[in-house]
N, C-alpha and C. Protein backbone atom coordinates (compact mmCIF):
# COMPACT_ATOMS: atom_id res chain seq x y z
N MET A 1 -50.94 -52.96 -31.98
CA MET A 1 -50.75 -52.46 -30.54
C MET A 1 -50.12 -51.24 -30.23
N ASP A 2 -50.74 -50.72 -29.24
CA ASP A 2 -50.61 -49.39 -28.75
C ASP A 2 -49.29 -48.64 -27.72
N ARG A 3 -48.80 -47.88 -27.13
CA ARG A 3 -48.17 -48.06 -26.76
C ARG A 3 -48.04 -48.60 -24.74
N ASP A 4 -49.52 -48.03 -24.59
CA ASP A 4 -49.76 -49.12 -23.34
C ASP A 4 -49.89 -50.13 -23.17
N ARG A 5 -50.04 -51.37 -24.52
CA ARG A 5 -49.95 -52.70 -24.07
C ARG A 5 -48.24 -52.79 -24.18
N PHE A 6 -47.64 -52.47 -24.77
CA PHE A 6 -46.08 -52.30 -24.93
C PHE A 6 -45.80 -52.21 -23.65
N VAL A 7 -46.15 -51.40 -22.75
CA VAL A 7 -45.74 -50.91 -21.41
C VAL A 7 -46.57 -52.23 -20.36
N SER A 8 -47.92 -52.36 -20.98
CA SER A 8 -48.27 -53.55 -20.06
C SER A 8 -47.37 -55.09 -19.95
N VAL A 9 -46.86 -54.99 -21.61
CA VAL A 9 -45.92 -56.15 -21.35
C VAL A 9 -44.95 -56.09 -20.88
N ALA A 10 -44.38 -54.86 -20.61
CA ALA A 10 -42.80 -55.45 -19.95
C ALA A 10 -43.06 -54.84 -18.53
N LEU A 11 -43.94 -54.73 -18.04
CA LEU A 11 -44.07 -55.03 -16.83
C LEU A 11 -44.59 -56.61 -16.41
N GLU A 12 -44.99 -57.04 -17.53
CA GLU A 12 -45.16 -58.19 -17.12
C GLU A 12 -44.07 -59.37 -17.33
N ALA A 13 -43.11 -58.61 -17.83
CA ALA A 13 -42.01 -59.42 -18.63
C ALA A 13 -40.78 -59.14 -17.30
N TYR A 14 -41.22 -58.14 -16.51
CA TYR A 14 -39.93 -57.21 -15.59
C TYR A 14 -40.63 -58.26 -14.21
N ARG A 15 -42.15 -58.06 -14.24
CA ARG A 15 -42.64 -59.06 -12.80
C ARG A 15 -42.29 -60.85 -12.98
N ALA A 16 -41.51 -61.44 -13.82
CA ALA A 16 -41.24 -62.40 -14.71
C ALA A 16 -39.97 -63.05 -14.16
N ALA A 17 -39.27 -61.65 -14.26
CA ALA A 17 -37.98 -61.80 -14.09
C ALA A 17 -37.30 -61.86 -12.64
N THR A 18 -38.97 -60.71 -12.30
CA THR A 18 -37.95 -60.67 -10.40
C THR A 18 -38.53 -62.05 -9.88
N ASP A 19 -39.62 -62.42 -10.14
CA ASP A 19 -40.06 -63.40 -9.58
C ASP A 19 -38.79 -65.07 -9.80
N GLU A 20 -38.08 -65.05 -11.06
CA GLU A 20 -36.87 -65.83 -11.74
C GLU A 20 -35.80 -65.96 -10.85
N ALA A 21 -35.69 -64.24 -9.93
CA ALA A 21 -34.39 -64.16 -9.52
C ALA A 21 -34.70 -63.89 -7.87
N GLY A 22 -35.78 -64.52 -7.50
CA GLY A 22 -35.91 -64.87 -6.38
C GLY A 22 -36.81 -63.46 -5.39
N VAL A 23 -36.85 -62.08 -5.78
CA VAL A 23 -37.38 -61.20 -5.80
C VAL A 23 -38.58 -60.43 -5.96
N ALA A 24 -39.46 -60.19 -4.63
CA ALA A 24 -40.62 -59.67 -4.45
C ALA A 24 -40.94 -58.39 -5.13
N ALA A 25 -41.09 -58.20 -6.05
CA ALA A 25 -40.92 -57.08 -6.76
C ALA A 25 -42.86 -56.11 -6.08
N PRO A 26 -42.76 -54.62 -5.91
CA PRO A 26 -43.62 -54.56 -5.23
C PRO A 26 -44.63 -54.60 -6.43
N ASP A 27 -46.54 -53.96 -5.87
CA ASP A 27 -47.31 -54.33 -6.16
C ASP A 27 -47.89 -52.98 -7.01
N ASN A 28 -46.94 -51.49 -6.57
CA ASN A 28 -47.06 -50.95 -7.56
C ASN A 28 -45.83 -50.48 -8.70
N LEU A 29 -45.51 -51.37 -9.37
CA LEU A 29 -44.70 -50.63 -10.35
C LEU A 29 -45.34 -49.90 -11.48
N THR A 30 -44.49 -49.03 -11.92
CA THR A 30 -45.04 -48.29 -13.35
C THR A 30 -43.96 -48.10 -14.20
N GLU A 31 -44.54 -47.09 -14.82
CA GLU A 31 -43.32 -47.50 -16.88
C GLU A 31 -42.46 -46.72 -16.04
N ASP A 32 -42.42 -46.09 -14.61
CA ASP A 32 -40.67 -45.20 -13.78
C ASP A 32 -40.21 -46.27 -13.06
N THR A 33 -40.62 -47.49 -13.21
CA THR A 33 -39.56 -48.93 -12.49
C THR A 33 -38.14 -48.91 -13.34
N ALA A 34 -37.30 -48.30 -12.67
CA ALA A 34 -35.82 -48.80 -12.88
C ALA A 34 -35.52 -50.19 -13.27
N LEU A 35 -34.69 -49.72 -14.22
CA LEU A 35 -34.53 -51.43 -14.92
C LEU A 35 -32.68 -51.55 -15.15
N VAL A 36 -32.41 -50.88 -14.51
CA VAL A 36 -31.12 -50.67 -14.49
C VAL A 36 -30.46 -49.64 -13.38
N GLY A 37 -29.68 -49.75 -12.85
CA GLY A 37 -28.68 -48.69 -11.67
C GLY A 37 -29.97 -48.50 -10.20
N PRO A 38 -29.74 -47.20 -9.95
CA PRO A 38 -30.25 -47.17 -8.78
C PRO A 38 -31.74 -47.78 -8.24
N GLY A 39 -32.08 -48.26 -7.72
CA GLY A 39 -33.54 -48.74 -7.65
C GLY A 39 -33.95 -49.91 -8.88
N SER A 40 -33.59 -50.39 -9.44
CA SER A 40 -33.36 -51.57 -10.53
C SER A 40 -33.17 -53.02 -9.19
N LEU A 41 -34.35 -53.80 -9.18
CA LEU A 41 -34.59 -54.78 -8.33
C LEU A 41 -33.37 -56.33 -9.47
N ILE A 42 -33.47 -56.23 -10.14
CA ILE A 42 -32.45 -57.23 -11.24
C ILE A 42 -31.22 -56.46 -11.62
N ASP A 43 -30.06 -57.57 -11.78
CA ASP A 43 -28.80 -57.26 -12.46
C ASP A 43 -29.62 -57.36 -13.96
N SER A 44 -28.04 -57.60 -14.13
CA SER A 44 -27.45 -57.59 -15.67
C SER A 44 -28.17 -58.39 -16.90
N MET A 45 -27.94 -59.94 -15.66
CA MET A 45 -28.74 -60.83 -16.49
C MET A 45 -30.15 -60.99 -16.55
N GLY A 46 -30.23 -60.33 -15.38
CA GLY A 46 -32.05 -59.80 -15.11
C GLY A 46 -32.59 -59.45 -16.30
N LEU A 47 -31.99 -58.24 -16.56
CA LEU A 47 -32.73 -57.34 -17.63
C LEU A 47 -32.41 -57.38 -18.82
N VAL A 48 -31.44 -58.63 -19.52
CA VAL A 48 -31.61 -59.29 -20.91
C VAL A 48 -32.55 -60.08 -20.96
N SER A 49 -32.55 -60.65 -19.86
CA SER A 49 -34.16 -61.72 -19.30
C SER A 49 -34.90 -60.78 -19.86
N VAL A 50 -35.26 -59.93 -19.45
CA VAL A 50 -37.04 -58.75 -19.11
C VAL A 50 -36.73 -58.41 -20.68
N ILE A 51 -35.83 -58.30 -21.32
CA ILE A 51 -35.77 -57.40 -22.69
C ILE A 51 -35.99 -58.78 -23.56
N LEU A 52 -35.81 -59.94 -23.62
CA LEU A 52 -35.80 -60.85 -24.29
C LEU A 52 -37.23 -61.61 -24.34
N ASP A 53 -37.62 -61.62 -22.39
CA ASP A 53 -39.21 -62.18 -22.82
C ASP A 53 -40.17 -60.81 -23.18
N PHE A 54 -39.33 -60.12 -23.01
CA PHE A 54 -40.46 -58.61 -23.58
C PHE A 54 -40.50 -58.87 -24.68
N GLU A 55 -39.85 -59.20 -25.78
CA GLU A 55 -39.99 -59.33 -27.12
C GLU A 55 -41.00 -60.45 -27.71
N GLN A 56 -40.40 -61.83 -26.82
CA GLN A 56 -40.99 -62.97 -27.07
C GLN A 56 -42.64 -62.33 -26.76
N ARG A 57 -43.13 -61.64 -25.87
CA ARG A 57 -43.86 -61.86 -25.07
C ARG A 57 -45.00 -60.59 -26.55
N VAL A 58 -44.39 -59.73 -26.77
CA VAL A 58 -44.98 -58.41 -27.77
C VAL A 58 -46.00 -59.57 -29.06
N GLU A 59 -44.40 -60.51 -29.14
CA GLU A 59 -45.09 -61.02 -30.76
C GLU A 59 -45.85 -62.41 -30.17
N GLU A 60 -45.56 -62.52 -29.35
CA GLU A 60 -47.10 -63.62 -28.74
C GLU A 60 -48.35 -62.75 -28.51
N ALA A 61 -48.16 -61.69 -28.77
CA ALA A 61 -49.77 -60.98 -28.00
C ALA A 61 -49.73 -59.95 -29.21
N GLY A 62 -49.61 -60.90 -30.49
CA GLY A 62 -49.99 -60.07 -32.28
C GLY A 62 -49.55 -59.55 -32.15
N GLY A 63 -48.12 -58.84 -32.16
CA GLY A 63 -47.12 -57.52 -32.17
C GLY A 63 -46.60 -57.56 -33.30
N PRO A 64 -45.82 -57.18 -33.70
CA PRO A 64 -44.32 -56.76 -34.26
C PRO A 64 -43.35 -57.82 -33.36
N ALA A 65 -41.94 -58.45 -34.40
CA ALA A 65 -40.94 -58.81 -34.07
C ALA A 65 -40.09 -58.42 -33.58
N LEU A 66 -39.42 -58.13 -32.49
CA LEU A 66 -38.91 -57.31 -32.41
C LEU A 66 -37.28 -57.70 -32.17
N SER A 67 -36.23 -56.95 -32.10
CA SER A 67 -34.83 -57.31 -31.70
C SER A 67 -34.13 -56.60 -31.27
N LEU A 68 -34.26 -55.88 -29.68
CA LEU A 68 -34.06 -54.28 -29.20
C LEU A 68 -32.38 -54.33 -28.75
N MET A 69 -31.84 -55.34 -28.75
CA MET A 69 -30.62 -55.33 -28.10
C MET A 69 -29.65 -55.67 -29.62
N ASN A 70 -29.41 -54.32 -29.63
CA ASN A 70 -29.10 -53.84 -30.99
C ASN A 70 -27.41 -52.77 -31.10
N GLU A 71 -26.76 -53.19 -31.95
CA GLU A 71 -25.62 -51.52 -32.12
C GLU A 71 -26.54 -50.23 -31.75
N ASP A 72 -27.80 -50.26 -32.39
CA ASP A 72 -28.69 -48.78 -32.03
C ASP A 72 -28.62 -48.97 -30.74
N ALA A 73 -29.15 -49.05 -29.54
CA ALA A 73 -29.33 -49.41 -27.86
C ALA A 73 -28.29 -48.94 -27.72
N LEU A 74 -27.11 -49.95 -28.33
CA LEU A 74 -26.38 -50.37 -27.05
C LEU A 74 -25.02 -48.88 -27.10
N SER A 75 -25.16 -47.30 -28.23
CA SER A 75 -24.37 -46.66 -28.41
C SER A 75 -25.15 -45.78 -28.66
N ARG A 76 -26.55 -45.83 -28.05
CA ARG A 76 -27.31 -44.05 -27.72
C ARG A 76 -26.74 -43.69 -26.39
N ARG A 77 -26.31 -42.43 -26.54
CA ARG A 77 -26.08 -41.62 -25.17
C ARG A 77 -26.88 -41.90 -23.71
N GLN A 78 -28.28 -41.92 -24.09
CA GLN A 78 -28.85 -42.89 -22.88
C GLN A 78 -29.54 -43.92 -22.92
N SER A 79 -29.28 -44.97 -21.94
CA SER A 79 -29.88 -46.56 -22.56
C SER A 79 -31.15 -45.92 -22.76
N PRO A 80 -32.18 -47.15 -23.68
CA PRO A 80 -33.36 -47.02 -23.72
C PRO A 80 -33.93 -47.88 -23.05
N PHE A 81 -32.81 -48.56 -22.10
CA PHE A 81 -33.37 -49.79 -21.17
C PHE A 81 -33.35 -49.21 -19.67
N ARG A 82 -33.52 -48.02 -19.58
CA ARG A 82 -33.36 -47.44 -17.72
C ARG A 82 -34.69 -47.71 -17.19
N THR A 83 -35.97 -47.69 -17.75
CA THR A 83 -37.09 -47.55 -16.74
C THR A 83 -37.76 -48.81 -17.78
N ILE A 84 -39.01 -48.99 -17.31
CA ILE A 84 -39.91 -49.88 -18.03
C ILE A 84 -40.19 -48.83 -19.55
N GLY A 85 -40.71 -47.85 -18.81
CA GLY A 85 -41.76 -46.65 -19.74
C GLY A 85 -40.35 -46.74 -21.04
N SER A 86 -39.15 -45.90 -20.74
CA SER A 86 -38.17 -46.09 -22.17
C SER A 86 -37.76 -47.35 -22.76
N LEU A 87 -37.80 -48.57 -21.66
CA LEU A 87 -38.10 -49.71 -22.92
C LEU A 87 -39.30 -49.63 -23.55
N ALA A 88 -40.95 -49.57 -23.45
CA ALA A 88 -41.66 -49.65 -24.21
C ALA A 88 -41.68 -48.53 -24.89
N ASP A 89 -41.32 -47.22 -25.19
CA ASP A 89 -41.29 -46.40 -25.80
C ASP A 89 -39.93 -46.52 -27.14
N TYR A 90 -39.00 -47.45 -26.47
CA TYR A 90 -38.12 -47.75 -27.81
C TYR A 90 -38.74 -49.09 -28.30
N ALA A 91 -39.54 -49.69 -27.84
CA ALA A 91 -40.40 -51.24 -28.60
C ALA A 91 -40.67 -50.10 -29.75
N PHE A 92 -41.59 -49.23 -29.35
CA PHE A 92 -42.78 -49.08 -30.02
C PHE A 92 -42.06 -47.80 -30.95
N THR A 93 -40.80 -47.36 -30.68
CA THR A 93 -40.28 -46.58 -31.89
C THR A 93 -39.53 -47.52 -32.72
N SER A 94 -38.98 -48.59 -32.36
CA SER A 94 -38.31 -49.41 -33.05
C SER A 94 -39.55 -49.94 -34.25
N ALA A 95 -40.41 -50.43 -33.52
CA ALA A 95 -41.86 -51.19 -34.33
C ALA A 95 -42.04 -49.88 -35.65
N GLY A 96 -41.76 -49.15 -35.74
CA GLY A 96 -42.29 -48.15 -36.36
C GLY A 96 -43.95 -47.77 -36.44
N LEU A 97 -43.82 -48.03 -34.87
CA LEU A 97 -45.62 -48.22 -34.56
C LEU A 97 -45.65 -46.44 -33.71
N ALA A 98 -45.26 -45.72 -33.59
CA ALA A 98 -45.31 -44.27 -33.08
C ALA A 98 -45.40 -43.67 -34.14
N ALA A 99 -44.65 -43.17 -35.61
CA ALA A 99 -45.32 -42.42 -36.48
C ALA A 99 -46.41 -43.28 -37.25
N SER A 100 -47.25 -44.12 -37.26
CA SER A 100 -48.37 -44.79 -37.95
C SER A 100 -49.30 -44.75 -36.73
N GLY A 101 -48.89 -44.22 -35.45
CA GLY A 101 -50.08 -44.48 -34.87
C GLY A 101 -50.93 -45.83 -34.04
N GLY A 102 -50.15 -46.51 -34.20
CA GLY A 102 -50.05 -47.86 -33.60
C GLY A 102 -50.96 -48.76 -34.07
């Protein structure tokens, strides 16, 4: 699985979370879409939903099993869950795919 696929899966999980929350996500979501903070369409429970759904969707798509909500992620100075792109980057690196070329 390459990084672009991780971004696509993260976008799918985000759309599912906004649908579940009854919020209409714009059509032009990108990897710069905020998951937390100003501009985010979801709350903290929505973020948890996105992360868990993302992990499941990655595995179902033939990617690695991930467990992203861990001490490493939570202790970072800058959250890896800020945006769709930062989530994809963190997952890609956590899976060891960045070093191996995906």
